[in-house]
Amino acid sequence: MATGSIYVRVEFLSVMETFKLEIDLMQPLQVRLVECKLVLLALMWMQHDENQQSNIPVDYSSPLLVDNSEWRDRSFATPDVEHFRKVSNTARIGAWDEMILLRLSHYITPHVNCLYDASFYALVVIAMHLIDAELKGIFVNSSDQYFARRLVYESFEILDKHQFGDNLKFGDEIYFTGIEEKDSLKWGMLLNYLSFKLAALGEFIMGTSDIDDEVDNEYDDLDEIEREEFDRKYERLPADYFQCKPYIEKCTDRSELLSRLVQRVVYYLFVGKEYNASRLDEIMSIPVTIRSTVTFQSNLAIATYRIGYFITASGIEEWADGKNWFLCKAFSSLMPFYNRGKKDAAGL
């Protein structure tokens, strides 16, 4: 082969690698956006439930109950959801924070333990619970009766486009054109598809762990050959995959966990590909005159102020998709906090 041909081929490969890198950087943005939206929706659900309680114990766990049989009967997520019901809201927040921490840094990453997988399924189950409530006239967002349905529908569109490109394909069993649809059968099927696209990345296969009341000792009863087969089949699972108790025990500071999770999600929504986990502590250190409490809404306001301040002071370009959803569609009441943060930074 001539030297010129080799040079052209190397140059072509270099261009293709650059193109592939750009694709790899851009494709996960919208998928991560979906995950961040669902986390915020889950926190709204949690806060809404806690507001109904008069006295909440430290280990309180909001009930994950779903009436829609089309979700429950068709999904493989039931054991995972049951698993996630056994931990407190504080531990749930901690699991979501570390899950999002990993997902915003690495598009495909092994889950640390079964609680991570259960938390993925729980996001979808909570969405189904809120959709069921909306269909009955009970709204998690009092100013938008379609809040949960719109978020889920748009999330499903994003995930399908990520998989199939512009040729949107809902699958053979489901296709409908408006979020105003009140057929719980169709919504149950939609959530079932969403669970496959979002939570199928997990490896929660066995449905038991050290936080279960009765741990399955099946592995101990296997002979040597059966153990080798078992290990080979589940070789992707980390060694401590089913050891949740040590993780749960470290999730004790509700205020700190909630604050970091909300700030992490808001940070990503506003900067997208410019997200850098190492700068989160810098953002968290920005002083805020808003009174800090442990409520989801107050943490949203604080995080919005800080991100406005941080973006302006650092000269970082806003990510239009995330910002517009957050401030225009979801939480328009937070716009003053964002503008105030930008103004304070600009005045330095």
Protein backbone atom coordinates (compact mmCIF):
# COMPACT_ATOMS: atom_id res chain seq x y z
CA MET A 1 0.00 0.00 0.00
CA ALA A 2 1.35 3.44 -0.89
CA THR A 3 2.44 5.81 1.88
CA GLY A 4 -0.20 8.32 0.77
CA SER A 5 -2.92 5.68 1.13
CA ILE A 6 -1.75 4.86 4.63
CA TYR A 7 -1.80 8.54 5.54
CA VAL A 8 -5.31 8.98 4.16
CA ARG A 9 -6.51 5.89 6.00
CA VAL A 10 -5.01 7.05 9.30
CA GLU A 11 -6.53 10.48 8.82
CA PHE A 12 -9.91 8.90 8.02
CA LEU A 13 -9.75 6.72 11.13
CA SER A 14 -8.82 9.77 13.20
CA VAL A 15 -11.83 11.67 11.85
CA MET A 16 -14.09 8.69 12.54
CA GLU A 17 -12.77 8.36 16.09
CA THR A 18 -13.39 12.07 16.67
CA PHE A 19 -16.90 11.73 15.25
CA LYS A 20 -17.56 8.66 17.42
CA LEU A 21 -16.32 10.54 20.48
CA GLU A 22 -18.67 13.44 19.73
CA ILE A 23 -21.58 11.00 19.35
CA ASP A 24 -20.63 9.25 22.59
CA LEU A 25 -20.60 12.61 24.38
CA MET A 26 -23.91 13.85 22.96
CA GLN A 27 -26.14 10.76 23.06
CA PRO A 28 -26.19 10.23 26.84
CA LEU A 29 -27.16 13.86 27.58
CA GLN A 30 -30.88 13.38 26.99
CA VAL A 31 -30.97 9.97 28.68
CA ARG A 32 -29.35 11.45 31.77
CA LEU A 33 -31.87 14.28 31.57
CA VAL A 34 -34.64 11.69 31.82
CA GLU A 35 -33.07 10.13 34.90
CA CYS A 36 -32.66 13.53 36.58
CA LYS A 37 -36.30 14.41 35.87
CA LEU A 38 -37.51 11.16 37.38
CA VAL A 39 -35.38 11.72 40.50
CA LEU A 40 -36.93 15.16 40.99
CA LEU A 41 -40.39 13.66 40.49
CA ALA A 42 -39.62 11.00 43.11
CA LEU A 43 -38.48 13.66 45.59
CA MET A 44 -41.71 15.60 44.96
CA TRP A 45 -43.67 12.44 45.73
CA MET A 46 -41.67 11.83 48.88
CA GLN A 47 -42.17 15.40 50.13
CA HIS A 48 -45.89 15.28 49.27
CA ASP A 49 -46.29 12.08 51.27
CA GLU A 50 -44.33 13.37 54.25
CA ASN A 51 -46.45 16.53 54.32
CA GLN A 52 -49.46 14.34 55.07
CA GLN A 53 -47.83 12.89 58.19
CA SER A 54 -48.07 14.56 61.60
CA ASN A 55 -45.02 12.94 63.16
CA ILE A 56 -42.33 11.29 61.02
CA PRO A 57 -39.84 8.87 62.66
CA VAL A 58 -36.21 8.88 61.61
CA ASP A 59 -36.57 5.66 59.64
CA TYR A 60 -39.82 6.64 57.91
CA SER A 61 -40.37 5.12 54.47
CA SER A 62 -42.97 6.51 52.07
CA PRO A 63 -45.19 3.62 50.90
CA LEU A 64 -44.63 2.41 47.35
CA LEU A 65 -48.09 1.19 46.42
CA VAL A 66 -49.23 0.85 42.81
CA ASP A 67 -52.79 -0.12 41.92
CA ASN A 68 -52.34 -0.36 38.18
CA SER A 69 -52.27 -4.06 37.34
CA GLU A 70 -50.85 -3.39 33.87
CA TRP A 71 -47.73 -2.10 35.54
CA ARG A 72 -47.52 -4.62 38.34
CA ASP A 73 -48.38 -7.80 36.43
CA ARG A 74 -46.32 -7.19 33.29
CA SER A 75 -43.16 -5.92 34.92
CA PHE A 76 -40.23 -7.90 36.27
CA ALA A 77 -39.67 -5.12 38.80
CA THR A 78 -41.96 -6.31 41.60
CA PRO A 79 -39.23 -7.92 43.78
CA ASP A 80 -37.02 -4.87 43.32
CA VAL A 81 -39.77 -2.48 44.33
CA GLU A 82 -40.56 -4.57 47.38
CA HIS A 83 -36.88 -4.46 48.24
CA PHE A 84 -36.77 -0.67 48.04
CA ARG A 85 -39.79 -0.37 50.32
CA LYS A 86 -37.73 -1.76 53.18
CA VAL A 87 -35.39 1.21 53.48
CA SER A 88 -36.00 4.68 54.91
CA ASN A 89 -36.51 7.82 52.84
CA THR A 90 -33.11 9.03 53.99
CA ALA A 91 -31.40 5.91 52.63
CA ARG A 92 -33.40 6.24 49.41
CA ILE A 93 -32.08 9.77 48.95
CA GLY A 94 -28.55 8.50 49.54
CA ALA A 95 -29.00 5.71 46.99
CA TRP A 96 -30.33 8.12 44.37
CA ASP A 97 -27.47 10.54 45.01
CA GLU A 98 -24.75 7.94 44.46
CA MET A 99 -26.64 6.43 41.53
CA ILE A 100 -26.88 9.82 39.82
CA LEU A 101 -23.26 10.59 40.72
CA LEU A 102 -22.18 7.50 38.79
CA ARG A 103 -24.63 7.94 35.92
CA LEU A 104 -23.66 11.55 35.23
CA SER A 105 -20.01 10.57 35.04
CA HIS A 106 -20.22 7.21 33.25
CA TYR A 107 -23.00 6.33 30.83
CA ILE A 108 -22.75 2.60 31.46
CA THR A 109 -21.54 1.60 34.89
CA PRO A 110 -22.00 -1.48 37.08
CA HIS A 111 -24.30 -0.97 40.03
CA VAL A 112 -22.70 -1.08 43.44
CA ASN A 113 -25.42 -3.15 45.09
CA CYS A 114 -28.97 -4.32 44.68
CA LEU A 115 -30.28 -1.14 46.29
CA TYR A 116 -29.08 0.76 43.24
CA ASP A 117 -31.06 -1.45 40.89
CA ALA A 118 -34.11 -1.26 43.13
CA SER A 119 -33.84 2.53 43.12
CA PHE A 120 -34.04 2.57 39.31
CA TYR A 121 -37.24 0.54 39.32
CA ALA A 122 -38.60 2.67 42.16
CA LEU A 123 -38.33 5.81 40.02
CA VAL A 124 -40.67 4.26 37.48
CA VAL A 125 -43.02 2.86 40.11
CA ILE A 126 -43.29 6.26 41.79
CA ALA A 127 -44.11 7.79 38.40
CA MET A 128 -46.85 5.18 37.94
CA HIS A 129 -48.19 5.92 41.41
CA LEU A 130 -48.38 9.65 40.63
CA ILE A 131 -50.02 9.03 37.26
CA ASP A 132 -52.64 6.87 38.95
CA ALA A 133 -53.24 9.76 41.37
CA GLU A 134 -53.52 12.31 38.55
CA LEU A 135 -56.11 10.18 36.81
CA LYS A 136 -58.10 10.32 40.06
CA GLY A 137 -57.72 14.10 40.38
CA ILE A 138 -54.92 14.13 42.97
CA PHE A 139 -51.95 16.19 41.75
CA VAL A 140 -48.36 16.21 43.02
CA ASN A 141 -48.02 19.61 41.32
CA SER A 142 -51.09 21.65 42.17
CA SER A 143 -50.51 24.04 39.26
CA ASP A 144 -50.27 21.31 36.60
CA GLN A 145 -52.68 18.38 36.46
CA TYR A 146 -50.56 16.74 33.76
CA PHE A 147 -47.17 17.14 35.46
CA ALA A 148 -46.32 13.47 36.04
CA ARG A 149 -47.94 12.29 32.81
CA ARG A 150 -46.14 14.90 30.72
CA LEU A 151 -42.79 14.13 32.32
CA VAL A 152 -43.17 10.39 31.76
CA TYR A 153 -44.46 10.75 28.21
CA GLU A 154 -41.64 13.08 27.19
CA SER A 155 -39.11 10.85 28.93
CA PHE A 156 -40.32 7.86 26.97
CA GLU A 157 -40.03 9.82 23.72
CA ILE A 158 -36.45 10.78 24.56
CA LEU A 159 -35.46 7.21 25.40
CA ASP A 160 -37.04 5.89 22.20
CA LYS A 161 -35.30 8.49 20.06
CA HIS A 162 -32.04 7.61 21.77
CA GLN A 163 -32.56 4.00 20.74
CA PHE A 164 -34.24 4.35 17.35
CA GLY A 165 -33.26 7.84 16.17
CA ASP A 166 -35.89 10.12 14.63
CA ASN A 167 -38.01 7.13 13.58
CA LEU A 168 -39.91 7.10 16.85
CA LYS A 169 -41.28 3.67 17.64
CA PHE A 170 -43.47 3.02 20.67
CA GLY A 171 -43.62 -0.72 20.06
CA ASP A 172 -46.31 -3.01 18.72
CA GLU A 173 -48.65 -2.78 21.70
CA ILE A 174 -48.85 0.91 22.47
CA TYR A 175 -49.29 4.15 20.63
CA PHE A 176 -51.37 7.11 21.70
CA THR A 177 -51.20 10.88 20.96
CA GLY A 178 -52.08 12.94 24.02
CA ILE A 179 -51.08 13.23 27.61
CA GLU A 180 -54.72 13.82 28.46
CA GLU A 181 -55.38 10.10 27.93
CA LYS A 182 -57.16 8.67 31.01
CA ASP A 183 -56.98 5.00 30.09
CA SER A 184 -55.00 3.45 32.95
CA LEU A 185 -54.44 0.35 30.83
CA LYS A 186 -52.41 2.35 28.29
CA TRP A 187 -50.51 4.21 31.00
CA GLY A 188 -49.64 0.94 32.70
CA MET A 189 -48.27 -0.43 29.44
CA LEU A 190 -46.31 2.77 28.81
CA LEU A 191 -44.69 2.57 32.24
CA ASN A 192 -43.87 -1.07 31.61
CA TYR A 193 -41.94 -0.11 28.49
CA LEU A 194 -40.26 2.73 30.35
CA SER A 195 -39.07 0.32 33.04
CA PHE A 196 -37.42 -1.89 30.42
CA LYS A 197 -35.64 1.06 28.82
CA LEU A 198 -34.53 2.67 32.06
CA ALA A 199 -34.12 -0.10 34.60
CA ALA A 200 -33.11 -3.02 32.39
CA LEU A 201 -29.52 -1.77 32.70
CA GLY A 202 -29.49 -3.28 36.16
CA GLU A 203 -28.57 -6.77 37.31
CA PHE A 204 -30.99 -7.31 40.17
CA ILE A 205 -31.79 -10.95 39.50
CA MET A 206 -32.23 -12.75 42.78
CA GLY A 207 -34.51 -10.56 44.87
CA THR A 208 -32.70 -11.16 48.17
CA SER A 209 -30.08 -9.28 50.15
CA ASP A 210 -28.88 -8.70 53.67
CA ILE A 211 -31.76 -6.32 54.43
CA ASP A 212 -34.39 -8.97 53.70
CA ASP A 213 -36.11 -10.64 56.63
CA GLU A 214 -35.04 -14.04 55.38
CA VAL A 215 -31.94 -14.35 53.24
CA ASP A 216 -31.98 -17.11 50.67
CA ASN A 217 -29.12 -19.50 51.46
CA GLU A 218 -29.43 -21.33 48.19
CA TYR A 219 -25.83 -20.62 47.29
CA ASP A 220 -24.54 -22.35 50.44
CA ASP A 221 -26.41 -25.51 49.51
CA LEU A 222 -24.82 -25.83 46.06
CA ASP A 223 -22.11 -28.35 45.33
CA GLU A 224 -18.79 -27.30 43.78
CA ILE A 225 -19.90 -27.73 40.16
CA GLU A 226 -23.16 -25.86 40.78
CA ARG A 227 -21.26 -23.02 42.44
CA GLU A 228 -18.95 -22.69 39.44
CA GLU A 229 -21.98 -22.48 37.16
CA PHE A 230 -23.60 -19.92 39.45
CA ASP A 231 -20.46 -17.77 39.60
CA ARG A 232 -20.04 -17.93 35.83
CA LYS A 233 -23.66 -16.91 35.23
CA TYR A 234 -23.48 -13.90 37.56
CA GLU A 235 -19.84 -12.96 37.05
CA ARG A 236 -20.72 -9.31 36.32
CA LEU A 237 -22.06 -8.78 39.82
CA PRO A 238 -19.71 -7.05 42.30
CA ALA A 239 -18.67 -9.21 45.24
CA ASP A 240 -20.61 -7.04 47.72
CA TYR A 241 -23.66 -6.68 45.46
CA PHE A 242 -26.11 -7.99 48.04
CA GLN A 243 -24.53 -6.29 51.06
CA CYS A 244 -26.78 -3.27 51.62
CA LYS A 245 -26.75 -2.84 55.39
CA PRO A 246 -23.31 -1.15 55.58
CA TYR A 247 -24.43 1.26 52.87
CA ILE A 248 -27.74 2.05 54.54
CA GLU A 249 -26.08 2.62 57.91
CA LYS A 250 -23.96 5.45 56.52
CA CYS A 251 -27.04 7.31 55.19
CA THR A 252 -27.99 9.16 58.35
CA ASP A 253 -27.82 12.90 57.58
CA ARG A 254 -31.07 13.61 55.74
CA SER A 255 -30.36 17.35 55.37
CA GLU A 256 -26.92 16.87 53.81
CA LEU A 257 -27.99 14.03 51.51
CA LEU A 258 -31.04 15.86 50.18
CA SER A 259 -29.12 19.09 49.66
CA ARG A 260 -26.37 17.38 47.64
CA LEU A 261 -28.77 15.34 45.53
CA VAL A 262 -30.92 18.33 44.60
CA GLN A 263 -27.86 20.48 43.87
CA ARG A 264 -26.27 17.72 41.77
CA VAL A 265 -29.38 17.31 39.63
CA VAL A 266 -29.95 21.07 39.20
CA TYR A 267 -26.27 21.50 38.32
CA TYR A 268 -26.52 18.94 35.53
CA LEU A 269 -29.81 20.30 34.21
CA PHE A 270 -28.24 23.71 33.69
CA VAL A 271 -24.86 22.74 32.22
CA GLY A 272 -25.29 19.32 30.52
CA LYS A 273 -22.03 18.21 28.97
CA GLU A 274 -20.12 20.77 31.05
CA TYR A 275 -21.07 18.92 34.25
CA ASN A 276 -18.02 18.23 36.40
CA ALA A 277 -18.67 16.33 39.63
CA SER A 278 -15.47 17.67 41.20
CA ARG A 279 -16.94 21.19 41.24
CA LEU A 280 -20.01 20.27 43.26
CA ASP A 281 -18.35 21.15 46.59
CA GLU A 282 -17.43 24.55 45.16
CA ILE A 283 -21.07 25.14 44.21
CA MET A 284 -22.31 23.91 47.59
CA SER A 285 -20.04 26.41 49.34
CA ILE A 286 -21.67 29.43 47.67
CA PRO A 287 -23.35 31.36 50.51
CA VAL A 288 -27.13 31.71 50.33
CA THR A 289 -29.29 34.03 52.40
CA ILE A 290 -32.36 31.82 51.88
CA ARG A 291 -33.21 30.02 55.10
CA SER A 292 -32.06 26.43 54.71
CA THR A 293 -34.43 23.66 55.74
CA VAL A 294 -34.73 19.97 54.94
CA THR A 295 -37.68 20.41 52.58
CA PHE A 296 -37.40 19.55 48.91
CA GLN A 297 -38.81 22.92 47.81
CA SER A 298 -36.38 25.00 49.89
CA ASN A 299 -33.45 22.95 48.60
CA LEU A 300 -34.64 23.56 45.04
CA ALA A 301 -34.61 27.32 45.65
CA ILE A 302 -31.14 27.23 47.21
CA ALA A 303 -29.75 25.06 44.40
CA THR A 304 -31.25 27.32 41.74
CA TYR A 305 -29.70 30.43 43.29
CA ARG A 306 -26.31 28.75 43.56
CA ILE A 307 -26.30 27.49 39.99
CA GLY A 308 -27.23 30.95 38.68
CA TYR A 309 -24.35 32.38 40.67
CA PHE A 310 -21.93 29.63 39.61
CA ILE A 311 -22.73 29.80 35.89
CA THR A 312 -22.31 33.58 35.82
CA ALA A 313 -19.12 33.64 37.90
CA SER A 314 -17.54 30.79 35.92
CA GLY A 315 -18.66 31.87 32.46
CA ILE A 316 -20.23 28.47 31.74
CA GLU A 317 -22.75 28.23 28.91
CA GLU A 318 -26.27 27.19 29.90
CA TRP A 319 -27.71 23.96 28.54
CA ALA A 320 -30.97 25.12 26.95
CA ASP A 321 -32.81 21.77 27.08
CA GLY A 322 -32.33 21.22 30.79
CA LYS A 323 -32.73 24.85 31.86
CA ASN A 324 -35.88 25.41 29.82
CA TRP A 325 -37.55 22.29 31.21
CA PHE A 326 -36.60 23.17 34.77
CA LEU A 327 -37.52 26.86 34.81
CA CYS A 328 -40.21 27.06 32.13
CA LYS A 329 -42.10 23.76 32.34
CA ALA A 330 -41.50 22.38 35.83
CA PHE A 331 -40.62 25.04 38.42
CA SER A 332 -41.27 28.50 37.01
CA SER A 333 -41.56 29.94 40.54
CA LEU A 334 -37.79 29.44 40.89
CA MET A 335 -36.88 31.91 38.15
CA PRO A 336 -36.40 34.81 40.64
CA PHE A 337 -33.86 32.76 42.61
CA TYR A 338 -31.93 31.98 39.43
CA ASN A 339 -31.91 35.61 38.29
CA ARG A 340 -30.90 36.77 41.75
CA GLY A 341 -27.95 34.36 41.77
CA LYS A 342 -26.81 35.63 38.39
CA LYS A 343 -27.20 39.24 39.46
CA ASP A 344 -25.22 38.74 42.67
CA ALA A 345 -22.37 37.05 40.76
CA ALA A 346 -22.34 39.75 38.09
CA GLY A 347 -22.01 42.42 40.77
CA LEU A 348 -18.71 41.07 42.06
